[in-house]
Every structure is written in C-alpha cells, then in structure tokens.
C-alpha atoms as a PDB file:
ATOM      1  CA  MET A   1       0.227   0.003   0.042  1.00  0.00           C
ATOM      2  CA  ALA A   2       1.310   3.365  -0.946  1.00  0.00           C
ATOM      3  CA  GLY A   3       1.349   6.133   1.413  1.00  0.00           C
ATOM      4  CA  SER A   4       3.276   7.550   4.484  1.00  0.00           C
ATOM      5  CA  HIS A   5       4.629   5.163   7.375  1.00  0.00           C
ATOM      6  CA  ILE A   6       6.751   5.366  10.486  1.00  0.00           C
ATOM      7  CA  LEU A   7       9.565   2.983  11.342  1.00  0.00           C
ATOM      8  CA  THR A   8      10.675   2.947  14.840  1.00  0.00           C
ATOM      9  CA  LEU A   9      13.753   0.980  15.905  1.00  0.00           C
ATOM     10  CA  SER A  10      15.879   0.368  18.897  1.00  0.00           C
ATOM     11  CA  CYS A  11      18.982  -1.762  19.004  1.00  0.00           C
ATOM     12  CA  PRO A  12      22.483  -2.123  20.322  1.00  0.00           C
ATOM     13  CA  ASP A  13      24.693   0.848  19.230  1.00  0.00           C
ATOM     14  CA  ARG A  14      27.386   0.222  16.603  1.00  0.00           C
ATOM     15  CA  VAL A  15      28.888   2.026  13.652  1.00  0.00           C
ATOM     16  CA  GLY A  16      26.914   2.552  10.287  1.00  0.00           C
ATOM     17  CA  LEU A  17      23.492   2.089  11.526  1.00  0.00           C
ATOM     18  CA  VAL A  18      21.963   5.500   9.926  1.00  0.00           C
ATOM     19  CA  ALA A  19      23.658   4.413   6.819  1.00  0.00           C
ATOM     20  CA  ARG A  20      22.143   0.817   6.876  1.00  0.00           C
ATOM     21  CA  LEU A  21      18.633   2.309   7.411  1.00  0.00           C
ATOM     22  CA  ALA A  22      19.103   4.841   4.586  1.00  0.00           C
ATOM     23  CA  ARG A  23      20.317   2.096   2.274  1.00  0.00           C
ATOM     24  CA  LEU A  24      17.368   0.013   2.854  1.00  0.00           C
ATOM     25  CA  MET A  25      14.926   2.829   2.211  1.00  0.00           C
ATOM     26  CA  GLU A  26      16.883   3.458  -1.070  1.00  0.00           C
ATOM     27  CA  GLU A  27      16.592  -0.076  -2.329  1.00  0.00           C
ATOM     28  CA  HIS A  28      12.846   0.134  -2.031  1.00  0.00           C
ATOM     29  CA  ASP A  29      12.540   3.671  -3.699  1.00  0.00           C
ATOM     30  CA  CYS A  30      11.228   4.968  -0.457  1.00  0.00           C
ATOM     31  CA  PHE A  31      11.653   8.976   0.344  1.00  0.00           C
ATOM     32  CA  ILE A  32      12.637   9.692   3.825  1.00  0.00           C
ATOM     33  CA  VAL A  33      10.387  12.532   4.841  1.00  0.00           C
ATOM     34  CA  SER A  34      12.054  13.181   8.210  1.00  0.00           C
ATOM     35  CA  SER A  35      14.750  11.142  10.324  1.00  0.00           C
ATOM     36  CA  ARG A  36      15.480  11.229  13.921  1.00  0.00           C
ATOM     37  CA  THR A  37      18.144   9.237  15.590  1.00  0.00           C
ATOM     38  CA  PHE A  38      19.965   9.177  18.965  1.00  0.00           C
ATOM     39  CA  GLY A  39      22.668   7.010  20.412  1.00  0.00           C
ATOM     40  CA  ASP A  40      22.986   6.670  24.328  1.00  0.00           C
ATOM     41  CA  PRO A  41      26.524   6.310  25.446  1.00  0.00           C
ATOM     42  CA  GLN A  42      25.523   5.273  28.847  1.00  0.00           C
ATOM     43  CA  THR A  43      22.979   2.528  27.808  1.00  0.00           C
ATOM     44  CA  GLU A  44      24.933   1.743  24.363  1.00  0.00           C
ATOM     45  CA  ARG A  45      21.568   1.803  22.800  1.00  0.00           C
ATOM     46  CA  PHE A  46      20.579   3.292  19.130  1.00  0.00           C
ATOM     47  CA  PHE A  47      17.095   4.584  18.561  1.00  0.00           C
ATOM     48  CA  ALA A  48      15.509   5.800  15.331  1.00  0.00           C
ATOM     49  CA  ARG A  49      12.221   7.263  14.070  1.00  0.00           C
ATOM     50  CA  LEU A  50      11.959   7.552  10.356  1.00  0.00           C
ATOM     51  CA  VAL A  51       8.838   8.898   8.499  1.00  0.00           C
ATOM     52  CA  PHE A  52       9.009   7.295   4.877  1.00  0.00           C
ATOM     53  CA  ASN A  53       6.677   7.418   1.687  1.00  0.00           C
ATOM     54  CA  THR A  54       6.498   4.034  -0.137  1.00  0.00           C
ATOM     55  CA  PRO A  55       6.094   4.454  -3.885  1.00  0.00           C
ATOM     56  CA  GLY A  56       3.046   2.063  -4.556  1.00  0.00           C
ATOM     57  CA  ASP A  57       1.292  -1.194  -4.126  1.00  0.00           C
ATOM     58  CA  GLY A  58       3.563  -3.970  -2.581  1.00  0.00           C
ATOM     59  CA  ALA A  59       6.317  -1.643  -1.511  1.00  0.00           C
ATOM     60  CA  LEU A  60       5.614  -1.777   1.912  1.00  0.00           C
ATOM     61  CA  ALA A  61       5.544  -5.598   2.307  1.00  0.00           C
ATOM     62  CA  ARG A  62       8.997  -5.555   0.661  1.00  0.00           C
ATOM     63  CA  VAL A  63      10.387  -2.991   3.169  1.00  0.00           C
ATOM     64  CA  GLU A  64       8.939  -5.101   6.029  1.00  0.00           C
ATOM     65  CA  SER A  65      10.706  -8.139   4.734  1.00  0.00           C
ATOM     66  CA  SER A  66      14.025  -6.239   4.428  1.00  0.00           C
ATOM     67  CA  MET A  67      13.677  -5.145   7.976  1.00  0.00           C
ATOM     68  CA  ARG A  68      12.867  -8.575   9.431  1.00  0.00           C
ATOM     69  CA  ALA A  69      16.220  -9.636   8.213  1.00  0.00           C
ATOM     70  CA  LEU A  70      18.065  -6.470   9.194  1.00  0.00           C
ATOM     71  CA  GLY A  71      16.350  -6.372  12.484  1.00  0.00           C
ATOM     72  CA  ALA A  72      17.280  -9.972  13.139  1.00  0.00           C
ATOM     73  CA  GLU A  73      21.000  -9.075  12.450  1.00  0.00           C
ATOM     74  CA  LEU A  74      20.954  -5.906  14.526  1.00  0.00           C
ATOM     75  CA  GLN A  75      19.193  -7.635  17.467  1.00  0.00           C
ATOM     76  CA  ALA A  76      16.692  -4.831  17.079  1.00  0.00           C
ATOM     77  CA  VAL A  77      13.134  -4.015  18.173  1.00  0.00           C
ATOM     78  CA  TRP A  78      11.226  -2.486  15.614  1.00  0.00           C
ATOM     79  CA  GLN A  79       7.776  -1.836  14.029  1.00  0.00           C
ATOM     80  CA  ILE A  80       6.031   0.013  11.159  1.00  0.00           C
ATOM     81  CA  ALA A  81       2.974   1.939  11.660  1.00  0.00           C
ATOM     82  CA  ARG A  82       0.979   4.283   9.087  1.00  0.00           C
ATOM     83  CA  GLU A  83       1.597   7.802   9.701  1.00  0.00           C
ATOM     84  CA  GLY A  84      -1.622   9.381  11.005  1.00  0.00           C
ATOM     85  CA  GLU A  85      -3.640   6.414  12.122  1.00  0.00           C
ATOM     86  CA  ARG A  86      -5.521   7.119  15.206  1.00  0.00           C
ATOM     87  CA  MET A  87      -4.294   4.757  18.210  1.00  0.00           C
ATOM     88  CA  ARG A  88      -7.194   3.057  20.105  1.00  0.00           C
ATOM     89  CA  THR A  89      -7.113   4.395  23.653  1.00  0.00           C
ATOM     90  CA  LEU A  90      -8.956   3.609  26.797  1.00  0.00           C
ATOM     91  CA  LEU A  91      -9.380   6.359  29.587  1.00  0.00           C
ATOM     92  CA  MET A  92      -9.706   5.729  33.124  1.00  0.00           C
ATOM     93  CA  VAL A  93     -10.819   8.271  35.755  1.00  0.00           C
ATOM     94  CA  SER A  94     -12.093   8.635  39.264  1.00  0.00           C
ATOM     95  CA  LYS A  95     -14.016  12.008  40.329  1.00  0.00           C
ATOM     96  CA  SER A  96     -11.736  14.582  38.296  1.00  0.00           C
ATOM     97  CA  ASP A  97     -12.540  15.217  34.716  1.00  0.00           C
ATOM     98  CA  HIS A  98     -10.154  17.863  33.601  1.00  0.00           C
ATOM     99  CA  CYS A  99      -7.426  15.551  32.182  1.00  0.00           C
ATOM    100  CA  ALA A 100      -9.936  13.257  30.316  1.00  0.00           C
ATOM    101  CA  ASN A 101     -11.829  16.083  28.835  1.00  0.00           C
ATOM    102  CA  THR A 102      -8.494  17.920  27.765  1.00  0.00           C
ATOM    103  CA  LEU A 103      -7.508  14.688  25.882  1.00  0.00           C
ATOM    104  CA  LEU A 104     -11.273  14.260  24.578  1.00  0.00           C
ATOM    105  CA  TYR A 105     -11.252  17.747  23.050  1.00  0.00           C
ATOM    106  CA  ALA A 106      -7.956  17.567  21.608  1.00  0.00           C
ATOM    107  CA  ALA A 107      -9.147  14.194  19.763  1.00  0.00           C
ATOM    108  CA  ARG A 108     -12.174  15.884  18.387  1.00  0.00           C
ATOM    109  CA  ARG A 109     -10.288  18.780  17.099  1.00  0.00           C
ATOM    110  CA  GLY A 110      -7.677  16.279  15.431  1.00  0.00           C
ATOM    111  CA  GLU A 111      -4.935  17.547  17.412  1.00  0.00           C
ATOM    112  CA  LEU A 112      -4.508  14.223  18.893  1.00  0.00           C
ATOM    113  CA  PRO A 113      -4.270  11.132  16.860  1.00  0.00           C
ATOM    114  CA  ILE A 114      -6.247   8.880  19.275  1.00  0.00           C
ATOM    115  CA  GLU A 115      -9.605   7.045  18.833  1.00  0.00           C
ATOM    116  CA  VAL A 116     -11.233   6.975  22.353  1.00  0.00           C
ATOM    117  CA  THR A 117     -12.664   3.396  22.895  1.00  0.00           C
ATOM    118  CA  GLY A 118     -14.576   4.145  26.272  1.00  0.00           C
ATOM    119  CA  ILE A 119     -14.167   5.443  29.766  1.00  0.00           C
ATOM    120  CA  VAL A 120     -13.460   3.287  32.649  1.00  0.00           C
ATOM    121  CA  SER A 121     -14.232   4.421  36.219  1.00  0.00           C
ATOM    122  CA  ASN A 122     -14.413   3.248  39.808  1.00  0.00           C
ATOM    123  CA  HIS A 123     -17.166   5.634  40.400  1.00  0.00           C
ATOM    124  CA  THR A 124     -20.269   6.655  38.836  1.00  0.00           C
ATOM    125  CA  THR A 125     -19.757  10.501  39.782  1.00  0.00           C
ATOM    126  CA  LEU A 126     -18.708  11.492  36.341  1.00  0.00           C
ATOM    127  CA  LYS A 127     -20.927   9.444  34.010  1.00  0.00           C
ATOM    128  CA  PRO A 128     -23.458  12.162  33.559  1.00  0.00           C
ATOM    129  CA  ALA A 129     -20.584  14.718  32.766  1.00  0.00           C
ATOM    130  CA  PHE A 130     -19.144  12.496  29.962  1.00  0.00           C
ATOM    131  CA  ALA A 131     -22.404  11.516  28.435  1.00  0.00           C
ATOM    132  CA  HIS A 132     -22.291  14.008  25.793  1.00  0.00           C
ATOM    133  CA  TRP A 133     -19.147  12.424  24.224  1.00  0.00           C
ATOM    134  CA  ASN A 134     -21.293   9.388  23.574  1.00  0.00           C
ATOM    135  CA  LEU A 135     -18.700   6.778  24.722  1.00  0.00           C
ATOM    136  CA  PRO A 136     -19.015   3.450  26.141  1.00  0.00           C
ATOM    137  CA  TRP A 137     -18.943   3.714  30.007  1.00  0.00           C
ATOM    138  CA  PHE A 138     -17.660   0.932  32.200  1.00  0.00           C
ATOM    139  CA  HIS A 139     -18.289   1.283  36.027  1.00  0.00           C
ATOM    140  CA  VAL A 140     -15.591  -0.956  37.376  1.00  0.00           C
ATOM    141  CA  PRO A 141     -15.620  -0.746  41.448  1.00  0.00           C
ATOM    142  CA  VAL A 142     -12.544  -1.479  43.244  1.00  0.00           C
ATOM    143  CA  SER A 143     -12.045  -2.248  46.838  1.00  0.00           C
ATOM    144  CA  ALA A 144      -9.119  -4.437  48.672  1.00  0.00           C
ATOM    145  CA  ALA A 145     -11.355  -7.428  48.617  1.00  0.00           C
ATOM    146  CA  THR A 146     -12.317  -6.923  44.928  1.00  0.00           C
ATOM    147  CA  ARG A 147      -9.116  -5.742  43.364  1.00  0.00           C
ATOM    148  CA  ALA A 148      -8.256  -9.246  41.264  1.00  0.00           C
ATOM    149  CA  GLU A 149     -11.894  -9.077  39.799  1.00  0.00           C
ATOM    150  CA  ALA A 150     -11.826  -5.563  38.961  1.00  0.00           C
ATOM    151  CA  GLU A 151      -8.618  -6.054  37.089  1.00  0.00           C
ATOM    152  CA  ALA A 152      -9.668  -9.008  35.448  1.00  0.00           C
ATOM    153  CA  ARG A 153     -12.677  -6.871  34.171  1.00  0.00           C
ATOM    154  CA  LEU A 154     -10.090  -4.150  33.107  1.00  0.00           C
ATOM    155  CA  PHE A 155      -8.229  -6.618  31.029  1.00  0.00           C
ATOM    156  CA  ALA A 156     -11.427  -7.813  29.287  1.00  0.00           C
ATOM    157  CA  ILE A 157     -12.405  -4.194  28.635  1.00  0.00           C
ATOM    158  CA  VAL A 158      -8.945  -3.724  26.991  1.00  0.00           C
ATOM    159  CA  GLU A 159      -9.368  -6.786  24.809  1.00  0.00           C
ATOM    160  CA  GLU A 160     -13.067  -6.193  24.036  1.00  0.00           C
ATOM    161  CA  THR A 161     -12.169  -2.597  22.877  1.00  0.00           C
ATOM    162  CA  GLY A 162      -8.892  -3.288  20.987  1.00  0.00           C
ATOM    163  CA  SER A 163      -7.308  -0.718  23.030  1.00  0.00           C
ATOM    164  CA  GLY A 164      -3.706  -0.150  22.341  1.00  0.00           C
ATOM    165  CA  LEU A 165      -3.262   2.635  24.953  1.00  0.00           C
ATOM    166  CA  ILE A 166      -4.609   3.113  28.446  1.00  0.00           C
ATOM    167  CA  VAL A 167      -4.451   6.397  29.970  1.00  0.00           C
ATOM    168  CA  LEU A 168      -5.122   7.072  33.839  1.00  0.00           C
ATOM    169  CA  ALA A 169      -6.767  10.574  33.454  1.00  0.00           C
ATOM    170  CA  ARG A 170      -6.813  11.302  37.079  1.00  0.00           C
ATOM    171  CA  TYR A 171      -7.806   7.510  38.128  1.00  0.00           C
ATOM    172  CA  MET A 172      -7.009   7.308  41.873  1.00  0.00           C
ATOM    173  CA  GLN A 173      -6.308   3.570  42.362  1.00  0.00           C
ATOM    174  CA  VAL A 174      -2.909   1.799  42.470  1.00  0.00           C
ATOM    175  CA  LEU A 175      -2.758  -1.016  39.951  1.00  0.00           C
ATOM    176  CA  SER A 176      -1.409  -4.363  41.193  1.00  0.00           C
ATOM    177  CA  GLU A 177       2.044  -5.476  39.782  1.00  0.00           C
ATOM    178  CA  GLU A 178       0.620  -7.974  37.628  1.00  0.00           C
ATOM    179  CA  ALA A 179      -1.616  -5.103  36.142  1.00  0.00           C
ATOM    180  CA  CYS A 180       1.647  -2.989  35.763  1.00  0.00           C
ATOM    181  CA  ARG A 181       3.514  -5.852  34.040  1.00  0.00           C
ATOM    182  CA  ARG A 182       0.645  -7.019  31.766  1.00  0.00           C
ATOM    183  CA  LEU A 183       0.171  -3.336  30.365  1.00  0.00           C
ATOM    184  CA  ALA A 184       3.816  -2.460  30.361  1.00  0.00           C
ATOM    185  CA  GLY A 185       4.772   0.178  27.971  1.00  0.00           C
ATOM    186  CA  ARG A 186       1.157   1.032  26.970  1.00  0.00           C
ATOM    187  CA  ILE A 187      -0.396   2.805  30.236  1.00  0.00           C
ATOM    188  CA  ILE A 188       0.329   6.297  30.969  1.00  0.00           C
ATOM    189  CA  ASN A 189      -0.201   8.085  34.394  1.00  0.00           C
ATOM    190  CA  ILE A 190      -0.340  11.770  35.387  1.00  0.00           C
ATOM    191  CA  HIS A 191       0.394  13.049  38.889  1.00  0.00           C
ATOM    192  CA  HIS A 192       1.380  16.332  40.419  1.00  0.00           C
ATOM    193  CA  SER A 193       5.028  17.079  41.103  1.00  0.00           C
ATOM    194  CA  PHE A 194       6.749  19.746  43.131  1.00  0.00           C
ATOM    195  CA  LEU A 195      10.169  20.723  44.330  1.00  0.00           C
ATOM    196  CA  PRO A 196      10.392  19.252  46.807  1.00  0.00           C
ATOM    197  CA  GLY A 197       7.855  16.405  46.388  1.00  0.00           C
ATOM    198  CA  PHE A 198       4.803  16.197  48.632  1.00  0.00           C
ATOM    199  CA  LYS A 199       3.226  12.820  48.986  1.00  0.00           C
ATOM    200  CA  GLY A 200      -0.133  11.985  50.676  1.00  0.00           C
ATOM    201  CA  ALA A 201      -3.312  13.945  51.353  1.00  0.00           C
ATOM    202  CA  ARG A 202      -3.530  17.654  50.249  1.00  0.00           C
ATOM    203  CA  PRO A 203      -0.335  18.080  48.584  1.00  0.00           C
ATOM    204  CA  TYR A 204      -1.094  21.640  47.400  1.00  0.00           C
ATOM    205  CA  HIS A 205      -1.727  22.603  50.881  1.00  0.00           C
ATOM    206  CA  GLN A 206       1.522  21.194  52.045  1.00  0.00           C
ATOM    207  CA  ALA A 207       3.366  23.093  49.426  1.00  0.00           C
ATOM    208  CA  HIS A 208       1.648  26.142  50.080  1.00  0.00           C
ATOM    209  CA  ALA A 209       2.829  25.771  53.918  1.00  0.00           C
ATOM    210  CA  ARG A 210       6.383  25.282  52.537  1.00  0.00           C
ATOM    211  CA  GLY A 211       6.371  28.342  50.157  1.00  0.00           C
ATOM    212  CA  VAL A 212       6.934  26.439  47.106  1.00  0.00           C
ATOM    213  CA  LYS A 213       7.818  28.768  44.320  1.00  0.00           C
ATOM    214  CA  VAL A 214       7.370  26.047  41.245  1.00  0.00           C
ATOM    215  CA  ILE A 215       4.452  23.869  40.869  1.00  0.00           C
ATOM    216  CA  GLY A 216       4.153  21.039  38.123  1.00  0.00           C
ATOM    217  CA  ALA A 217       2.947  17.744  36.644  1.00  0.00           C
ATOM    218  CA  THR A 218       4.772  14.716  35.544  1.00  0.00           C
ATOM    219  CA  ALA A 219       3.260  12.219  32.925  1.00  0.00           C
ATOM    220  CA  HIS A 220       4.971   8.873  32.991  1.00  0.00           C
ATOM    221  CA  TYR A 221       4.710   5.239  32.125  1.00  0.00           C
ATOM    222  CA  VAL A 222       3.207   3.001  34.691  1.00  0.00           C
ATOM    223  CA  THR A 223       5.253   0.496  36.701  1.00  0.00           C
ATOM    224  CA  PRO A 224       5.050  -1.538  40.063  1.00  0.00           C
ATOM    225  CA  ASP A 225       7.100   1.179  41.422  1.00  0.00           C
ATOM    226  CA  LEU A 226       4.369   3.754  42.448  1.00  0.00           C
ATOM    227  CA  ASP A 227       4.752   7.265  40.489  1.00  0.00           C
ATOM    228  CA  GLU A 228       8.272   6.220  39.677  1.00  0.00           C
ATOM    229  CA  GLY A 229       7.823   5.176  36.317  1.00  0.00           C
ATOM    230  CA  PRO A 230       9.824   6.308  33.151  1.00  0.00           C
ATOM    231  CA  ILE A 231       9.022   9.930  32.783  1.00  0.00           C
ATOM    232  CA  ILE A 232       7.653  11.200  29.406  1.00  0.00           C
ATOM    233  CA  THR A 233       7.088  14.648  29.831  1.00  0.00           C
ATOM    234  CA  GLN A 234       6.778  17.458  32.672  1.00  0.00           C
ATOM    235  CA  ALA A 235       5.083  20.944  32.891  1.00  0.00           C
ATOM    236  CA  THR A 236       5.902  23.449  35.378  1.00  0.00           C
ATOM    237  CA  GLU A 237       5.116  27.019  36.143  1.00  0.00           C
ATOM    238  CA  ALA A 238       6.474  29.487  38.558  1.00  0.00           C
ATOM    239  CA  ILE A 239       4.276  30.614  41.106  1.00  0.00           C
ATOM    240  CA  ASP A 240       4.949  33.266  43.902  1.00  0.00           C
ATOM    241  CA  HIS A 241       3.953  34.133  47.671  1.00  0.00           C
ATOM    242  CA  THR A 242       0.258  35.652  46.594  1.00  0.00           C
ATOM    243  CA  PHE A 243      -0.877  32.212  45.522  1.00  0.00           C
ATOM    244  CA  SER A 244      -3.432  30.459  47.815  1.00  0.00           C
ATOM    245  CA  PRO A 245      -3.808  26.766  47.916  1.00  0.00           C
ATOM    246  CA  GLU A 246      -6.956  27.200  45.472  1.00  0.00           C
ATOM    247  CA  ASP A 247      -4.825  29.227  43.158  1.00  0.00           C
ATOM    248  CA  MET A 248      -2.154  26.476  43.162  1.00  0.00           C
ATOM    249  CA  ILE A 249      -4.694  23.784  42.553  1.00  0.00           C
ATOM    250  CA  GLU A 250      -6.310  25.645  39.581  1.00  0.00           C
ATOM    251  CA  THR A 251      -2.793  26.069  38.051  1.00  0.00           C
ATOM    252  CA  GLY A 252      -2.064  22.449  38.785  1.00  0.00           C
ATOM    253  CA  ARG A 253      -5.264  21.195  36.801  1.00  0.00           C
ATOM    254  CA  HIS A 254      -4.063  22.977  33.692  1.00  0.00           C
ATOM    255  CA  LEU A 255      -0.542  21.676  34.111  1.00  0.00           C
ATOM    256  CA  GLU A 256      -1.781  18.171  34.601  1.00  0.00           C
ATOM    257  CA  GLY A 257      -3.759  18.637  31.451  1.00  0.00           C
ATOM    258  CA  LEU A 258      -1.028  19.975  29.490  1.00  0.00           C
ATOM    259  CA  ALA A 259       1.564  17.396  30.414  1.00  0.00           C
ATOM    260  CA  LEU A 260      -0.823  14.376  29.701  1.00  0.00           C
ATOM    261  CA  LEU A 261      -1.744  15.669  26.458  1.00  0.00           C
ATOM    262  CA  ARG A 262       2.013  15.629  25.351  1.00  0.00           C
ATOM    263  CA  ALA A 263       2.700  12.409  26.705  1.00  0.00           C
ATOM    264  CA  VAL A 264      -0.170  10.777  25.002  1.00  0.00           C
ATOM    265  CA  LYS A 265       0.466  12.739  21.697  1.00  0.00           C
ATOM    266  CA  ALA A 266       3.985  11.689  21.918  1.00  0.00           C
ATOM    267  CA  HIS A 267       3.107   7.983  22.456  1.00  0.00           C
ATOM    268  CA  ALA A 268       0.309   7.803  19.753  1.00  0.00           C
ATOM    269  CA  GLU A 269       2.815   9.602  17.158  1.00  0.00           C
ATOM    270  CA  HIS A 270       5.481   6.659  17.883  1.00  0.00           C
ATOM    271  CA  ARG A 271       7.995   9.179  19.335  1.00  0.00           C
ATOM    272  CA  ILE A 272       8.839   7.270  22.636  1.00  0.00           C
ATOM    273  CA  PHE A 273      11.290   4.605  23.254  1.00  0.00           C
ATOM    274  CA  LEU A 274      12.215   2.976  26.735  1.00  0.00           C
ATOM    275  CA  ASN A 275      15.673   3.280  27.619  1.00  0.00           C
ATOM    276  CA  SER A 276      16.740   1.690  30.750  1.00  0.00           C
ATOM    277  CA  GLY A 277      14.221   2.973  33.341  1.00  0.00           C
ATOM    278  CA  LYS A 278      13.968   6.444  31.227  1.00  0.00           C
ATOM    279  CA  THR A 279      12.767   7.553  28.120  1.00  0.00           C
ATOM    280  CA  VAL A 280      14.089   8.919  24.624  1.00  0.00           C
ATOM    281  CA  VAL A 281      11.260  11.343  23.389  1.00  0.00           C
ATOM    282  CA  PHE A 282      11.736  12.704  19.806  1.00  0.00           C
ATOM    283  CA  ALA A 283      10.441  15.631  18.558  1.00  0.00           C
ATOM    284  CA  ARG A 284       8.127  15.861  15.701  1.00  0.00           C
END
C-alpha cells in the first residue's frame, strides 16, 4: 500500500546504523520525509524514528521483509505504523474530569491522533458529565477485597475494545504488579510533582505551607514502583507568595492536562522509546 509510514527501531549501538537504514529505504525507492536518531553512550543503545513514503502497491511488504532480516541481524526491536493512524485509547478516571476532557477535546479537534474507545471509572460520579461524548462507560468498582476481580474486568475491557493505549486520567487507584506488567509500555499516568515532592493527602496545601515557588505535573509510564515509572514529559510554572492553595490547585489542573496531552500525543505518534528506566522522546 502506498502512503506515509513510521519506522521505529532500537538496538545495540554500532557504527553504520544510520547508513544501513538509509540504504534499505533507497533499495525500495522509499523517500525519507524525516529522520530522528539518538545513540545513548551510557546504555549503548541506538534509537531511530523514520517517516517515509512508499512508491506504490507492494512496496511496504518488501520494506517489512527487508526489515525483518536487518532487525534480526541488529538484534533490534522495531515496528512500522501508518502515519496518522489513530491509536485506540481507553481512558480511566475517578472523580476529576479535567485531564480526560483535555484529551477528548484535543482528539475531537484532530490535534491528538487517538480514537477513544471508552471510559473506565471506579465511581459513577462523572458519568453524567461525560454523557455528551457518547462513549462506552464502564463502571468497575474497586476495593481491597475485589481488586483481582476488578482488574480481570479491566483486562477484558482492554481486549474487547482493542485498546492499544490506556491512560490514567486522574484515576485514583493503585494497580497491582500483575496489571503493571501486563500493560507495560502502554499505560500512562499523570500526577502532580513539586520541588520538593509532597506525598499523601492535600499536597497543594503542604506545598503552600512550605512556600513552594514552582509547581508542576509529570506524565509517566506506569510500573509497579508507584509514581516512579519512566518519565515522558513534565510541565511546570513559577508561582509566588500571593498564590493561595486554591490558586495552586487551579494552576495544577492546567499543568496536569498539558503534560498528559503532550505525553499521549508523543506515544500515539510513536515518538517514545523506553531506555533502561527512562525514555527517549523525539520531537516531531
């Protein structure tokens, strides 16, 4: 099929990798629209993202065949995706709607290449507020006694909806280690982040009491280490002594939506690579 595609690849670093990829594209008459590469001297890994145009029918299959051989030789993890294809995405919320609404509005405007497959919540509080989006609503209550059952239902929903990405858009439940492992690399979370960090209840009030001068939000991949997964993007804003806790909360909401939007966009555009506990995130 002719068209524009995205090749992503990571492998042990070595001399000549950029040339090998360029030569493969040339052999199949593919035009490289853009190319981003990075070699990490610490992890000795190479990362590449190529947007390329194929000349006509059958060309993509030939490129994939050549990539299978090259990938095996390079011990590479790679994939080819169609550029602009919307990623099927499941949102999860609890009692705050600002992050989910940010993503839904951006998707509706075509700014975010995702297709939202539904909304999962452990409460029914927000169901009326999301009704106008006309999306499937899945109420999956969670307690300590029912966590395993609830997560089994979540896995079923992910399968039923064909969701490739799951976004915790202010979903206030901790996932089990099994859930984190099963969804590794395709589940993104958002949380407030401060300098210094404040954990537990009323973090904005704690920050206000300490006279914090910068507040922010961090979007990251979910791992069994609570709120310590590989960071994708962060958004911050300077504040001063005139900010009340309520002012900080309002600013924090905007930052959470912004950071999460940027992270989901980068993931859906195949611009993120996991790299030994951190990420490589290419610009467009």
